[in-house]
Structures are given as structure tokens and as C-alpha cells.
Amino acid sequence: VYCSARAAPQVRSWLVEQANCIFNGVNDGYIDFVDNRLLYAIDTKIHHVEAWGSFAEHLREYSGGLGESEYRQRTTQWGKGASNYAIWKWMNTMSFPELGLSTDRLYDIKPKPRGGLPFDFHGYGGIDLIVAQDGLIASDLLNGFDLEICKASFDGKKFHIPDPHLTFAAKTKMETNRRAVVG
């Protein structure tokens, strides 16, 4: 799910209220820690990525036997500290002071006013909320989206990248006519 920084609180609330999701934390799986010389070297329009999962699955797997309403209350209480968790995560796993990165790059992780934010970092999810840099809109993210790189895979022995000469030359971005259909 792509969204602007401004729309992020409403999107989070929609994920909770309409899609019955739970916040699992800031997703640092997109960052390569093997060689941080390239980290943030590219001009990205993405500010950060949040991991979200199914509340029902979390209830079954991580609730410790609590009932639904009690688990929802507990995780919503934990959600009030989600920004503190995100800042800690940023400082301890994603921030590289030698590159001049600081916590001011992280937005508050919160829902719309008076909305709840169930949060359990023990879980996992299949939904990534991709938040744009401040001042950009979601379509700015889509304009740079590369469909071909999504087809890349690793079979345990080698990487398979379709048309690598085009992908790495940034020539496989979403075509204008497909982009127009998306919005």
C-alpha cells in the first residue's frame, strides 16, 4: 500500500478498522546491512515501510490465550508506544550517524485522531505500508515503481533477474499507459 506522509494516519486507521489489521513494526527488510556504503545513496521517494498483519492470525498465534477483546485492548495500549518503538528501531538498526542520518527522518507512527493502533512486534504480516517522503504524494512513488524487479527470485544457488540489462538501467519502470490505469 503506497501513501503520502500526510495520509498515513488515515491509512493506518483504515487498516485497523476496515481490514482488521495489526501494526507489526517498521520494516527494515528493505535495507541491506551487508555493505552500508550504498545505504541511502540513491535518492528514494520512500520515507519508511511499515509491516502490517492480520489481527485474527495474531490473536490465534501471539495472544497467549487472551480473548479477542482483551488482546485488542492490550495491543491498542501497546500501540500508544509505537512511536517510541519506531524511534528505538531506527536508532538501533536503521540509523547510520556516519551518514548523517538521525531520528528526524522518522514520522510518528499513529492513527487518525481518536483512532486506535493495535501493535504487537512479535507478529509478522503480508502487508507493507510504504510511506512517501514528506511533501510527496502516493503517485510519486508509483511513478518510480519497477514491475520487472518484482519478478526477481533467488533459488538458493543463484539470483534470477528478468532482463537485468533493462532493470538495472531503470528501463523497466511502469509504462505510462499502465500507470494511467492505476491512478
N, C-alpha and C. Protein backbone atom coordinates (compact mmCIF):
# COMPACT_ATOMS: atom_id res chain seq x y z
N VAL A 1 0.85 -1.16 0.00
CA VAL A 1 0.00 0.00 0.00
C VAL A 1 0.90 1.23 0.00
N TYR A 2 0.74 2.08 -0.99
CA TYR A 2 1.51 3.32 -1.07
C TYR A 2 0.67 4.47 -0.52
N CYS A 3 1.30 5.38 0.24
CA CYS A 3 0.56 6.55 0.71
C CYS A 3 1.52 7.70 0.99
N SER A 4 0.97 8.88 1.06
CA SER A 4 1.76 10.06 1.43
C SER A 4 1.92 10.09 2.94
N ALA A 5 2.88 10.88 3.41
CA ALA A 5 3.07 11.02 4.87
C ALA A 5 1.82 11.63 5.50
N ARG A 6 1.21 12.54 4.79
CA ARG A 6 0.02 13.21 5.31
C ARG A 6 -1.17 12.25 5.45
N ALA A 7 -1.29 11.33 4.50
CA ALA A 7 -2.41 10.38 4.53
C ALA A 7 -2.15 9.17 5.42
N ALA A 8 -0.92 8.97 5.86
CA ALA A 8 -0.56 7.75 6.61
C ALA A 8 -1.45 7.50 7.83
N PRO A 9 -1.78 8.50 8.67
CA PRO A 9 -2.65 8.20 9.81
C PRO A 9 -4.02 7.65 9.40
N GLN A 10 -4.61 8.19 8.33
CA GLN A 10 -5.90 7.70 7.87
C GLN A 10 -5.78 6.29 7.28
N VAL A 11 -4.69 6.03 6.57
CA VAL A 11 -4.48 4.70 6.00
C VAL A 11 -4.30 3.68 7.13
N ARG A 12 -3.54 4.05 8.16
CA ARG A 12 -3.37 3.15 9.31
C ARG A 12 -4.72 2.84 9.95
N SER A 13 -5.53 3.87 10.13
CA SER A 13 -6.86 3.66 10.73
C SER A 13 -7.72 2.77 9.84
N TRP A 14 -7.64 2.95 8.53
CA TRP A 14 -8.39 2.08 7.62
C TRP A 14 -7.91 0.64 7.77
N LEU A 15 -6.60 0.43 7.85
CA LEU A 15 -6.07 -0.93 8.02
C LEU A 15 -6.60 -1.57 9.30
N VAL A 16 -6.72 -0.78 10.37
CA VAL A 16 -7.21 -1.31 11.65
C VAL A 16 -8.72 -1.52 11.60
N GLU A 17 -9.46 -0.50 11.19
CA GLU A 17 -10.92 -0.52 11.29
C GLU A 17 -11.61 -1.31 10.19
N GLN A 18 -11.12 -1.24 8.98
CA GLN A 18 -11.79 -1.88 7.85
C GLN A 18 -11.16 -3.21 7.44
N ALA A 19 -9.83 -3.30 7.55
CA ALA A 19 -9.15 -4.52 7.10
C ALA A 19 -8.77 -5.43 8.27
N ASN A 20 -9.09 -5.01 9.51
CA ASN A 20 -8.81 -5.80 10.71
C ASN A 20 -7.34 -6.22 10.80
N CYS A 21 -6.46 -5.22 10.66
CA CYS A 21 -5.02 -5.47 10.69
C CYS A 21 -4.40 -4.98 11.99
N ILE A 22 -3.18 -5.41 12.22
CA ILE A 22 -2.40 -5.03 13.39
C ILE A 22 -1.01 -4.59 12.92
N PHE A 23 -0.50 -3.53 13.53
CA PHE A 23 0.82 -3.00 13.20
C PHE A 23 1.89 -3.90 13.80
N ASN A 24 2.88 -4.30 12.97
CA ASN A 24 3.95 -5.18 13.44
C ASN A 24 5.28 -4.47 13.58
N GLY A 25 5.38 -3.25 13.14
CA GLY A 25 6.63 -2.51 13.30
C GLY A 25 7.14 -1.93 12.00
N VAL A 26 8.28 -1.27 12.13
CA VAL A 26 8.94 -0.68 10.97
C VAL A 26 9.69 -1.80 10.27
N ASN A 27 9.49 -1.92 8.98
CA ASN A 27 10.09 -3.00 8.21
C ASN A 27 11.46 -2.57 7.70
N ASP A 28 12.52 -3.14 8.28
CA ASP A 28 13.86 -2.82 7.82
C ASP A 28 14.39 -3.87 6.86
N GLY A 29 13.54 -4.75 6.40
CA GLY A 29 13.95 -5.81 5.48
C GLY A 29 14.35 -5.30 4.11
N TYR A 30 14.07 -4.05 3.83
CA TYR A 30 14.43 -3.49 2.53
C TYR A 30 15.82 -2.88 2.55
N ILE A 31 16.47 -2.89 3.72
CA ILE A 31 17.79 -2.27 3.86
C ILE A 31 18.84 -3.37 3.90
N ASP A 32 19.89 -3.21 3.12
CA ASP A 32 20.97 -4.18 3.06
C ASP A 32 22.05 -3.78 4.05
N PHE A 33 22.22 -4.58 5.11
CA PHE A 33 23.22 -4.26 6.12
C PHE A 33 24.59 -4.85 5.80
N VAL A 34 24.72 -5.58 4.70
CA VAL A 34 26.00 -6.18 4.35
C VAL A 34 27.01 -5.10 4.02
N ASP A 35 26.60 -4.09 3.30
CA ASP A 35 27.51 -3.02 2.92
C ASP A 35 26.75 -1.71 2.96
N ASN A 36 26.90 -0.96 4.05
CA ASN A 36 26.11 0.25 4.21
C ASN A 36 26.66 1.44 3.43
N ARG A 37 27.70 1.24 2.62
CA ARG A 37 28.19 2.35 1.81
C ARG A 37 27.15 2.78 0.78
N LEU A 38 26.31 1.85 0.37
CA LEU A 38 25.27 2.17 -0.62
C LEU A 38 23.96 2.56 0.02
N LEU A 39 23.86 2.38 1.34
CA LEU A 39 22.63 2.68 2.05
C LEU A 39 22.26 4.14 1.89
N TYR A 40 21.06 4.40 1.47
CA TYR A 40 20.55 5.76 1.28
C TYR A 40 21.33 6.54 0.22
N ALA A 41 22.13 5.86 -0.57
CA ALA A 41 22.90 6.56 -1.60
C ALA A 41 22.01 6.95 -2.77
N ILE A 42 20.96 6.19 -2.96
CA ILE A 42 20.05 6.53 -4.05
C ILE A 42 18.99 7.48 -3.52
N ASP A 43 18.58 8.37 -4.37
CA ASP A 43 17.55 9.33 -3.99
C ASP A 43 16.21 8.60 -4.04
N THR A 44 15.71 8.24 -2.88
CA THR A 44 14.46 7.50 -2.82
C THR A 44 13.32 8.42 -2.41
N LYS A 45 12.15 8.11 -2.90
CA LYS A 45 10.96 8.88 -2.52
C LYS A 45 10.27 8.21 -1.33
N ILE A 46 10.76 7.04 -0.95
CA ILE A 46 10.18 6.29 0.17
C ILE A 46 10.80 6.79 1.47
N HIS A 47 9.95 7.15 2.42
CA HIS A 47 10.43 7.56 3.74
C HIS A 47 10.70 6.34 4.61
N HIS A 48 9.69 5.49 4.75
CA HIS A 48 9.85 4.26 5.52
C HIS A 48 8.76 3.27 5.13
N VAL A 49 8.93 2.04 5.57
CA VAL A 49 7.98 0.97 5.27
C VAL A 49 7.53 0.36 6.60
N GLU A 50 6.22 0.21 6.75
CA GLU A 50 5.65 -0.38 7.95
C GLU A 50 5.11 -1.77 7.63
N ALA A 51 5.29 -2.69 8.56
CA ALA A 51 4.77 -4.06 8.39
C ALA A 51 3.43 -4.17 9.12
N TRP A 52 2.46 -4.74 8.43
CA TRP A 52 1.12 -4.94 8.98
C TRP A 52 0.70 -6.38 8.74
N GLY A 53 -0.11 -6.92 9.65
CA GLY A 53 -0.59 -8.29 9.51
C GLY A 53 -2.04 -8.41 9.92
N SER A 54 -2.56 -9.61 9.81
CA SER A 54 -3.95 -9.90 10.14
C SER A 54 -4.13 -9.98 11.65
N PHE A 55 -5.09 -9.22 12.18
CA PHE A 55 -5.36 -9.26 13.62
C PHE A 55 -5.81 -10.66 14.04
N ALA A 56 -6.65 -11.30 13.23
CA ALA A 56 -7.16 -12.64 13.57
C ALA A 56 -6.03 -13.66 13.68
N GLU A 57 -5.05 -13.60 12.76
CA GLU A 57 -3.91 -14.52 12.84
C GLU A 57 -3.07 -14.25 14.08
N HIS A 58 -2.88 -12.98 14.41
CA HIS A 58 -2.11 -12.63 15.61
C HIS A 58 -2.82 -13.11 16.86
N LEU A 59 -4.12 -12.96 16.88
CA LEU A 59 -4.91 -13.41 18.03
C LEU A 59 -4.69 -14.91 18.25
N ARG A 60 -4.71 -15.66 17.17
CA ARG A 60 -4.53 -17.11 17.25
C ARG A 60 -3.11 -17.48 17.68
N GLU A 61 -2.09 -16.77 17.15
CA GLU A 61 -0.71 -17.19 17.36
C GLU A 61 0.03 -16.49 18.50
N TYR A 62 -0.31 -15.24 18.82
CA TYR A 62 0.50 -14.46 19.74
C TYR A 62 -0.22 -13.94 20.98
N SER A 63 -1.49 -14.26 21.12
CA SER A 63 -2.27 -13.65 22.20
C SER A 63 -2.03 -14.28 23.57
N GLY A 64 -1.37 -15.42 23.62
CA GLY A 64 -1.16 -16.08 24.90
C GLY A 64 -2.45 -16.57 25.53
N GLY A 65 -3.43 -16.89 24.70
CA GLY A 65 -4.70 -17.40 25.20
C GLY A 65 -5.71 -16.33 25.59
N LEU A 66 -5.40 -15.07 25.38
CA LEU A 66 -6.34 -14.00 25.70
C LEU A 66 -7.52 -14.03 24.74
N GLY A 67 -8.66 -13.56 25.19
CA GLY A 67 -9.81 -13.41 24.31
C GLY A 67 -9.59 -12.25 23.36
N GLU A 68 -10.44 -12.16 22.34
CA GLU A 68 -10.26 -11.12 21.32
C GLU A 68 -10.30 -9.72 21.90
N SER A 69 -11.30 -9.40 22.73
CA SER A 69 -11.41 -8.03 23.24
C SER A 69 -10.24 -7.68 24.17
N GLU A 70 -9.80 -8.64 24.98
CA GLU A 70 -8.68 -8.37 25.89
C GLU A 70 -7.37 -8.19 25.10
N TYR A 71 -7.16 -9.03 24.09
CA TYR A 71 -5.96 -8.89 23.26
C TYR A 71 -5.99 -7.57 22.49
N ARG A 72 -7.17 -7.20 21.97
CA ARG A 72 -7.29 -5.93 21.25
C ARG A 72 -6.98 -4.76 22.19
N GLN A 73 -7.51 -4.80 23.41
CA GLN A 73 -7.22 -3.73 24.38
C GLN A 73 -5.72 -3.66 24.68
N ARG A 74 -5.12 -4.81 24.92
CA ARG A 74 -3.69 -4.85 25.25
C ARG A 74 -2.84 -4.33 24.10
N THR A 75 -3.11 -4.80 22.89
CA THR A 75 -2.29 -4.36 21.75
C THR A 75 -2.55 -2.90 21.41
N THR A 76 -3.77 -2.41 21.64
CA THR A 76 -4.05 -0.99 21.41
C THR A 76 -3.29 -0.15 22.43
N GLN A 77 -3.18 -0.62 23.66
CA GLN A 77 -2.37 0.07 24.67
C GLN A 77 -0.90 0.09 24.24
N TRP A 78 -0.40 -1.05 23.75
CA TRP A 78 0.98 -1.10 23.25
C TRP A 78 1.16 -0.14 22.09
N GLY A 79 0.11 0.03 21.28
CA GLY A 79 0.18 0.92 20.13
C GLY A 79 0.42 2.37 20.51
N LYS A 80 0.05 2.75 21.73
CA LYS A 80 0.30 4.13 22.18
C LYS A 80 1.80 4.39 22.30
N GLY A 81 2.60 3.35 22.42
CA GLY A 81 4.05 3.50 22.48
C GLY A 81 4.74 3.14 21.18
N ALA A 82 3.97 2.98 20.10
CA ALA A 82 4.55 2.55 18.82
C ALA A 82 5.59 3.54 18.31
N SER A 83 5.38 4.84 18.51
CA SER A 83 6.37 5.82 18.04
C SER A 83 7.68 5.65 18.79
N ASN A 84 7.61 5.37 20.10
CA ASN A 84 8.84 5.13 20.87
C ASN A 84 9.57 3.90 20.34
N TYR A 85 8.82 2.84 20.03
CA TYR A 85 9.41 1.64 19.44
C TYR A 85 10.08 1.98 18.11
N ALA A 86 9.37 2.74 17.27
CA ALA A 86 9.90 3.06 15.94
C ALA A 86 11.18 3.88 16.04
N ILE A 87 11.23 4.83 16.99
CA ILE A 87 12.45 5.62 17.17
C ILE A 87 13.58 4.72 17.65
N TRP A 88 13.29 3.81 18.61
CA TRP A 88 14.32 2.88 19.08
C TRP A 88 14.82 2.03 17.93
N LYS A 89 13.89 1.49 17.13
CA LYS A 89 14.26 0.64 15.99
C LYS A 89 15.13 1.42 15.01
N TRP A 90 14.74 2.66 14.74
CA TRP A 90 15.50 3.50 13.83
C TRP A 90 16.92 3.71 14.35
N MET A 91 17.04 4.07 15.61
CA MET A 91 18.35 4.38 16.19
C MET A 91 19.24 3.14 16.32
N ASN A 92 18.64 1.99 16.55
CA ASN A 92 19.44 0.79 16.82
C ASN A 92 19.63 -0.15 15.65
N THR A 93 18.83 -0.02 14.62
CA THR A 93 19.01 -0.95 13.49
C THR A 93 19.03 -0.27 12.13
N MET A 94 18.55 0.96 12.04
CA MET A 94 18.41 1.56 10.71
C MET A 94 19.12 2.90 10.57
N SER A 95 19.56 3.49 11.66
CA SER A 95 20.19 4.81 11.61
C SER A 95 21.70 4.66 11.51
N PHE A 96 22.31 5.39 10.64
CA PHE A 96 23.75 5.35 10.49
C PHE A 96 24.29 6.77 10.65
N PRO A 97 24.70 7.15 11.89
CA PRO A 97 25.16 8.51 12.15
C PRO A 97 26.30 8.94 11.23
N GLU A 98 27.15 7.97 10.84
CA GLU A 98 28.26 8.32 9.95
C GLU A 98 27.79 8.84 8.60
N LEU A 99 26.54 8.57 8.27
CA LEU A 99 25.97 9.07 7.03
C LEU A 99 25.10 10.30 7.25
N GLY A 100 25.09 10.78 8.50
CA GLY A 100 24.32 11.98 8.81
C GLY A 100 22.84 11.73 8.96
N LEU A 101 22.44 10.50 9.27
CA LEU A 101 21.02 10.17 9.42
C LEU A 101 20.63 10.27 10.88
N SER A 102 19.48 10.82 11.14
CA SER A 102 19.03 10.96 12.52
C SER A 102 17.55 10.64 12.62
N THR A 103 17.02 10.69 13.86
CA THR A 103 15.62 10.31 14.07
C THR A 103 14.64 11.27 13.43
N ASP A 104 15.07 12.43 13.01
CA ASP A 104 14.11 13.35 12.40
C ASP A 104 13.60 12.82 11.06
N ARG A 105 14.19 11.75 10.56
CA ARG A 105 13.71 11.14 9.32
C ARG A 105 12.51 10.24 9.58
N LEU A 106 12.17 10.00 10.85
CA LEU A 106 11.09 9.07 11.16
C LEU A 106 9.82 9.82 11.55
N TYR A 107 8.72 9.46 10.96
CA TYR A 107 7.45 10.07 11.31
C TYR A 107 6.87 9.42 12.55
N ASP A 108 5.96 10.12 13.19
CA ASP A 108 5.22 9.50 14.28
C ASP A 108 4.36 8.38 13.70
N ILE A 109 4.36 7.26 14.36
CA ILE A 109 3.51 6.15 13.94
C ILE A 109 2.24 6.26 14.77
N LYS A 110 1.21 6.80 14.16
CA LYS A 110 -0.04 6.98 14.90
C LYS A 110 -1.22 6.91 13.92
N PRO A 111 -2.40 6.57 14.44
CA PRO A 111 -3.59 6.54 13.59
C PRO A 111 -4.21 7.93 13.52
N LYS A 112 -5.38 8.02 12.89
CA LYS A 112 -6.10 9.29 12.86
C LYS A 112 -6.49 9.67 14.30
N PRO A 113 -6.81 10.94 14.55
CA PRO A 113 -7.20 11.36 15.91
C PRO A 113 -8.33 10.48 16.46
N ARG A 114 -8.20 10.09 17.71
CA ARG A 114 -9.15 9.24 18.43
C ARG A 114 -9.24 7.82 17.87
N GLY A 115 -8.29 7.45 17.02
CA GLY A 115 -8.28 6.08 16.49
C GLY A 115 -7.30 5.22 17.27
N GLY A 116 -7.53 3.94 17.28
CA GLY A 116 -6.64 3.01 17.97
C GLY A 116 -5.61 2.44 17.01
N LEU A 117 -4.51 1.97 17.58
CA LEU A 117 -3.45 1.37 16.77
C LEU A 117 -2.96 0.09 17.47
N PRO A 118 -3.61 -1.06 17.22
CA PRO A 118 -3.12 -2.30 17.80
C PRO A 118 -1.71 -2.58 17.30
N PHE A 119 -0.81 -2.96 18.21
CA PHE A 119 0.60 -3.14 17.87
C PHE A 119 1.17 -4.32 18.62
N ASP A 120 1.79 -5.23 17.89
CA ASP A 120 2.49 -6.36 18.51
C ASP A 120 3.68 -6.69 17.62
N PHE A 121 4.89 -6.35 18.10
CA PHE A 121 6.07 -6.56 17.26
C PHE A 121 6.50 -8.02 17.20
N HIS A 122 5.81 -8.90 17.93
CA HIS A 122 6.13 -10.33 17.84
C HIS A 122 5.59 -10.94 16.56
N GLY A 123 4.65 -10.29 15.94
CA GLY A 123 3.99 -10.86 14.78
C GLY A 123 4.70 -10.57 13.48
N TYR A 124 4.04 -10.94 12.43
CA TYR A 124 4.52 -10.70 11.08
C TYR A 124 3.30 -10.41 10.22
N GLY A 125 3.55 -9.91 9.04
CA GLY A 125 2.41 -9.62 8.19
C GLY A 125 2.78 -9.62 6.74
N GLY A 126 1.77 -9.65 5.94
CA GLY A 126 1.97 -9.67 4.50
C GLY A 126 1.65 -8.34 3.83
N ILE A 127 1.41 -7.31 4.63
CA ILE A 127 1.07 -6.01 4.06
C ILE A 127 2.17 -5.02 4.41
N ASP A 128 2.71 -4.37 3.40
CA ASP A 128 3.68 -3.31 3.61
C ASP A 128 3.01 -1.98 3.33
N LEU A 129 3.06 -1.08 4.31
CA LEU A 129 2.58 0.29 4.11
C LEU A 129 3.81 1.12 3.78
N ILE A 130 3.88 1.59 2.55
CA ILE A 130 5.04 2.32 2.06
C ILE A 130 4.70 3.80 2.11
N VAL A 131 5.39 4.52 3.00
CA VAL A 131 5.09 5.93 3.26
C VAL A 131 6.09 6.81 2.51
N ALA A 132 5.57 7.75 1.76
CA ALA A 132 6.40 8.65 0.95
C ALA A 132 7.10 9.69 1.83
N GLN A 133 8.16 10.25 1.29
CA GLN A 133 8.83 11.38 1.94
C GLN A 133 7.82 12.51 2.09
N ASP A 134 8.02 13.33 3.11
CA ASP A 134 7.13 14.46 3.36
C ASP A 134 7.03 15.35 2.13
N GLY A 135 5.82 15.74 1.78
CA GLY A 135 5.60 16.62 0.64
C GLY A 135 5.33 15.90 -0.66
N LEU A 136 5.48 14.59 -0.70
CA LEU A 136 5.21 13.83 -1.92
C LEU A 136 3.85 13.13 -1.79
N ILE A 137 3.30 12.73 -2.93
CA ILE A 137 2.03 12.01 -2.93
C ILE A 137 2.28 10.57 -3.37
N ALA A 138 1.29 9.72 -3.14
CA ALA A 138 1.46 8.29 -3.44
C ALA A 138 1.80 8.04 -4.90
N SER A 139 1.24 8.82 -5.80
CA SER A 139 1.54 8.59 -7.22
C SER A 139 3.00 8.88 -7.54
N ASP A 140 3.67 9.72 -6.74
CA ASP A 140 5.10 9.94 -6.93
C ASP A 140 5.87 8.64 -6.70
N LEU A 141 5.40 7.83 -5.76
CA LEU A 141 6.03 6.53 -5.51
C LEU A 141 5.77 5.58 -6.67
N LEU A 142 4.53 5.57 -7.16
CA LEU A 142 4.18 4.67 -8.26
C LEU A 142 4.93 5.01 -9.54
N ASN A 143 5.21 6.28 -9.76
CA ASN A 143 5.92 6.67 -10.98
C ASN A 143 7.30 6.04 -11.06
N GLY A 144 7.90 5.72 -9.92
CA GLY A 144 9.21 5.10 -9.92
C GLY A 144 9.17 3.60 -9.71
N PHE A 145 7.96 3.03 -9.64
CA PHE A 145 7.82 1.60 -9.36
C PHE A 145 8.28 0.76 -10.54
N ASP A 146 9.02 -0.29 -10.26
CA ASP A 146 9.57 -1.17 -11.28
C ASP A 146 8.87 -2.53 -11.21
N LEU A 147 8.06 -2.83 -12.22
CA LEU A 147 7.33 -4.10 -12.24
C LEU A 147 8.25 -5.31 -12.42
N GLU A 148 9.27 -5.18 -13.24
CA GLU A 148 10.14 -6.32 -13.55
C GLU A 148 10.93 -6.79 -12.34
N ILE A 149 11.39 -5.88 -11.50
CA ILE A 149 12.20 -6.28 -10.35
C ILE A 149 11.38 -7.15 -9.39
N CYS A 150 10.06 -7.03 -9.44
CA CYS A 150 9.20 -7.87 -8.60
C CYS A 150 9.25 -9.33 -9.03
N LYS A 151 9.71 -9.58 -10.24
CA LYS A 151 9.81 -10.95 -10.74
C LYS A 151 11.15 -11.59 -10.39
N ALA A 152 12.06 -10.84 -9.78
CA ALA A 152 13.36 -11.39 -9.41
C ALA A 152 13.19 -12.44 -8.33
N SER A 153 14.08 -13.43 -8.33
CA SER A 153 13.99 -14.50 -7.34
C SER A 153 15.38 -15.05 -7.03
N PHE A 154 15.45 -15.81 -5.95
CA PHE A 154 16.68 -16.49 -5.54
C PHE A 154 16.30 -17.92 -5.24
N ASP A 155 16.94 -18.89 -5.89
CA ASP A 155 16.58 -20.29 -5.72
C ASP A 155 17.48 -21.03 -4.72
N GLY A 156 18.29 -20.30 -3.99
CA GLY A 156 19.20 -20.92 -3.04
C GLY A 156 20.60 -21.06 -3.58
N LYS A 157 20.73 -20.93 -4.89
CA LYS A 157 22.04 -21.03 -5.52
C LYS A 157 22.39 -19.78 -6.31
N LYS A 158 21.40 -19.23 -6.99
CA LYS A 158 21.69 -18.03 -7.77
C LYS A 158 20.45 -17.16 -7.91
N PHE A 159 20.70 -15.90 -8.22
CA PHE A 159 19.62 -14.95 -8.43
C PHE A 159 19.15 -15.03 -9.87
N HIS A 160 17.85 -14.87 -10.05
CA HIS A 160 17.25 -14.83 -11.38
C HIS A 160 16.59 -13.46 -11.52
N ILE A 161 17.12 -12.66 -12.42
CA ILE A 161 16.59 -11.31 -12.63
C ILE A 161 16.22 -11.20 -14.10
N PRO A 162 14.91 -11.04 -14.38
CA PRO A 162 14.50 -10.94 -15.78
C PRO A 162 15.01 -9.64 -16.40
N ASP A 163 15.59 -9.76 -17.57
CA ASP A 163 16.11 -8.60 -18.30
C ASP A 163 16.95 -7.68 -17.41
N PRO A 164 18.03 -8.21 -16.80
CA PRO A 164 18.81 -7.38 -15.88
C PRO A 164 19.39 -6.13 -16.54
N HIS A 165 19.74 -6.24 -17.82
CA HIS A 165 20.30 -5.07 -18.51
C HIS A 165 19.28 -3.93 -18.58
N LEU A 166 18.00 -4.25 -18.67
CA LEU A 166 16.97 -3.21 -18.68
C LEU A 166 16.61 -2.78 -17.25
N THR A 167 16.51 -3.77 -16.35
CA THR A 167 16.14 -3.47 -14.96
C THR A 167 17.15 -2.54 -14.32
N PHE A 168 18.44 -2.87 -14.42
CA PHE A 168 19.46 -2.06 -13.76
C PHE A 168 19.71 -0.74 -14.48
N ALA A 169 19.22 -0.61 -15.68
CA ALA A 169 19.30 0.67 -16.39
C ALA A 169 18.03 1.50 -16.15
N ALA A 170 17.17 1.05 -15.25
CA ALA A 170 15.92 1.73 -14.89
C ALA A 170 15.00 1.91 -16.10
N LYS A 171 15.00 0.92 -16.98
CA LYS A 171 14.16 1.00 -18.17
C LYS A 171 12.93 0.11 -18.07
N THR A 172 12.67 -0.45 -16.89
CA THR A 172 11.50 -1.32 -16.74
C THR A 172 10.49 -0.72 -15.78
N LYS A 173 10.53 0.57 -15.60
CA LYS A 173 9.54 1.22 -14.75
C LYS A 173 8.17 1.10 -15.40
N MET A 174 7.15 1.34 -14.61
CA MET A 174 5.79 1.20 -15.10
C MET A 174 5.55 2.10 -16.31
N GLU A 175 5.04 1.50 -17.38
CA GLU A 175 4.78 2.27 -18.59
C GLU A 175 3.66 3.28 -18.35
N THR A 176 3.67 4.33 -19.10
CA THR A 176 2.71 5.41 -18.93
C THR A 176 1.27 4.93 -19.02
N ASN A 177 0.96 4.05 -19.98
CA ASN A 177 -0.43 3.60 -20.14
C ASN A 177 -0.88 2.74 -18.96
N ARG A 178 0.00 1.90 -18.39
CA ARG A 178 -0.36 1.13 -17.20
C ARG A 178 -0.49 2.05 -15.99
N ARG A 179 0.41 2.98 -15.90
CA ARG A 179 0.41 3.92 -14.78
C ARG A 179 -0.89 4.73 -14.77
N ALA A 180 -1.41 5.08 -15.94
CA ALA A 180 -2.65 5.85 -16.04
C ALA A 180 -3.84 5.06 -15.50
N VAL A 181 -3.83 3.74 -15.67
CA VAL A 181 -4.91 2.90 -15.18
C VAL A 181 -4.91 2.86 -13.66
N VAL A 182 -3.72 2.85 -13.05
CA VAL A 182 -3.60 2.77 -11.59
C VAL A 182 -4.10 4.04 -10.93
N GLY A 183 -3.95 5.17 -11.57
CA GLY A 183 -4.49 6.40 -10.98
C GLY A 183 -3.56 7.49 -10.96
